[in-house]
Amino acid sequence: MSLNKTRNKLYKAARILGDVNAVKKGRVGRRVARRAAGRVTGRGLGKLFKGWKF
């Protein structure tokens, strides 16, 4: 298994464990809002830097 596949599986497991933890603590809404905000921010930054050469 390649390093990227292993890393991908570890990140997915961490995300699932974080979801389970949020359910246990009753903070699901907060977690969903933060993940949505992160997606919006990531897309915005992606559009901002698209085509830039570093």
C-alpha atoms as a PDB file:
ATOM      1  CA  MET A   1       0.000   0.000   0.000  1.00  0.00           C
ATOM      2  CA  SER A   2       1.365   3.392  -0.904  1.00  0.00           C
ATOM      3  CA  LEU A   3       1.982   6.143   1.605  1.00  0.00           C
ATOM      4  CA  ASN A   4      -0.814   8.305   0.206  1.00  0.00           C
ATOM      5  CA  LYS A   5      -3.390   5.534   0.558  1.00  0.00           C
ATOM      6  CA  THR A   6      -2.295   4.884   4.141  1.00  0.00           C
ATOM      7  CA  ARG A   7      -2.450   8.595   4.983  1.00  0.00           C
ATOM      8  CA  ASN A   8      -5.873   8.838   3.352  1.00  0.00           C
ATOM      9  CA  LYS A   9      -7.218   5.990   5.468  1.00  0.00           C
ATOM     10  CA  LEU A  10      -5.768   7.477   8.656  1.00  0.00           C
ATOM     11  CA  TYR A  11      -7.341  10.878   7.950  1.00  0.00           C
ATOM     12  CA  LYS A  12     -10.684   9.235   7.203  1.00  0.00           C
ATOM     13  CA  ALA A  13     -10.511   7.269  10.467  1.00  0.00           C
ATOM     14  CA  ALA A  14      -9.657  10.439  12.397  1.00  0.00           C
ATOM     15  CA  ARG A  15     -12.602  12.248  10.843  1.00  0.00           C
ATOM     16  CA  ILE A  16     -14.962   9.412  11.794  1.00  0.00           C
ATOM     17  CA  LEU A  17     -13.607   9.321  15.346  1.00  0.00           C
ATOM     18  CA  GLY A  18     -14.086  13.090  15.582  1.00  0.00           C
ATOM     19  CA  ASP A  19     -17.696  12.692  14.430  1.00  0.00           C
ATOM     20  CA  VAL A  20     -18.313   9.993  17.028  1.00  0.00           C
ATOM     21  CA  ASN A  21     -16.770  12.163  19.728  1.00  0.00           C
ATOM     22  CA  ALA A  22     -18.951  15.119  18.697  1.00  0.00           C
ATOM     23  CA  VAL A  23     -22.074  12.961  18.936  1.00  0.00           C
ATOM     24  CA  LYS A  24     -21.072  11.772  22.414  1.00  0.00           C
ATOM     25  CA  LYS A  25     -20.508  15.328  23.628  1.00  0.00           C
ATOM     26  CA  GLY A  26     -23.574  16.756  21.870  1.00  0.00           C
ATOM     27  CA  ARG A  27     -21.608  19.134  19.660  1.00  0.00           C
ATOM     28  CA  VAL A  28     -22.663  17.873  16.248  1.00  0.00           C
ATOM     29  CA  GLY A  29     -24.062  21.202  15.031  1.00  0.00           C
ATOM     30  CA  ARG A  30     -20.869  23.025  15.923  1.00  0.00           C
ATOM     31  CA  ARG A  31     -18.762  20.425  14.110  1.00  0.00           C
ATOM     32  CA  VAL A  32     -20.927  20.505  10.989  1.00  0.00           C
ATOM     33  CA  ALA A  33     -20.756  24.303  10.887  1.00  0.00           C
ATOM     34  CA  ARG A  34     -16.968  24.312  11.225  1.00  0.00           C
ATOM     35  CA  ARG A  35     -16.510  21.687   8.513  1.00  0.00           C
ATOM     36  CA  ALA A  36     -18.794  23.620   6.167  1.00  0.00           C
ATOM     37  CA  ALA A  37     -16.900  26.842   6.871  1.00  0.00           C
ATOM     38  CA  GLY A  38     -13.628  25.056   6.162  1.00  0.00           C
ATOM     39  CA  ARG A  39     -14.911  23.819   2.812  1.00  0.00           C
ATOM     40  CA  VAL A  40     -16.102  27.291   1.802  1.00  0.00           C
ATOM     41  CA  THR A  41     -12.780  28.817   2.835  1.00  0.00           C
ATOM     42  CA  GLY A  42     -10.812  26.163   0.956  1.00  0.00           C
ATOM     43  CA  ARG A  43     -12.810  26.654  -2.223  1.00  0.00           C
ATOM     44  CA  GLY A  44     -12.455  30.418  -2.001  1.00  0.00           C
ATOM     45  CA  LEU A  45      -8.698  30.197  -1.538  1.00  0.00           C
ATOM     46  CA  GLY A  46      -8.487  27.695  -4.381  1.00  0.00           C
ATOM     47  CA  LYS A  47     -10.239  30.106  -6.727  1.00  0.00           C
ATOM     48  CA  LEU A  48      -8.105  33.007  -5.500  1.00  0.00           C
ATOM     49  CA  PHE A  49      -4.802  31.245  -6.118  1.00  0.00           C
ATOM     50  CA  LYS A  50      -5.818  29.343  -9.255  1.00  0.00           C
ATOM     51  CA  GLY A  51      -3.353  30.024 -12.018  1.00  0.00           C
ATOM     52  CA  TRP A  52      -0.683  31.556  -9.776  1.00  0.00           C
ATOM     53  CA  LYS A  53       2.875  30.322 -10.259  1.00  0.00           C
ATOM     54  CA  PHE A  54       5.026  29.994  -7.163  1.00  0.00           C
END
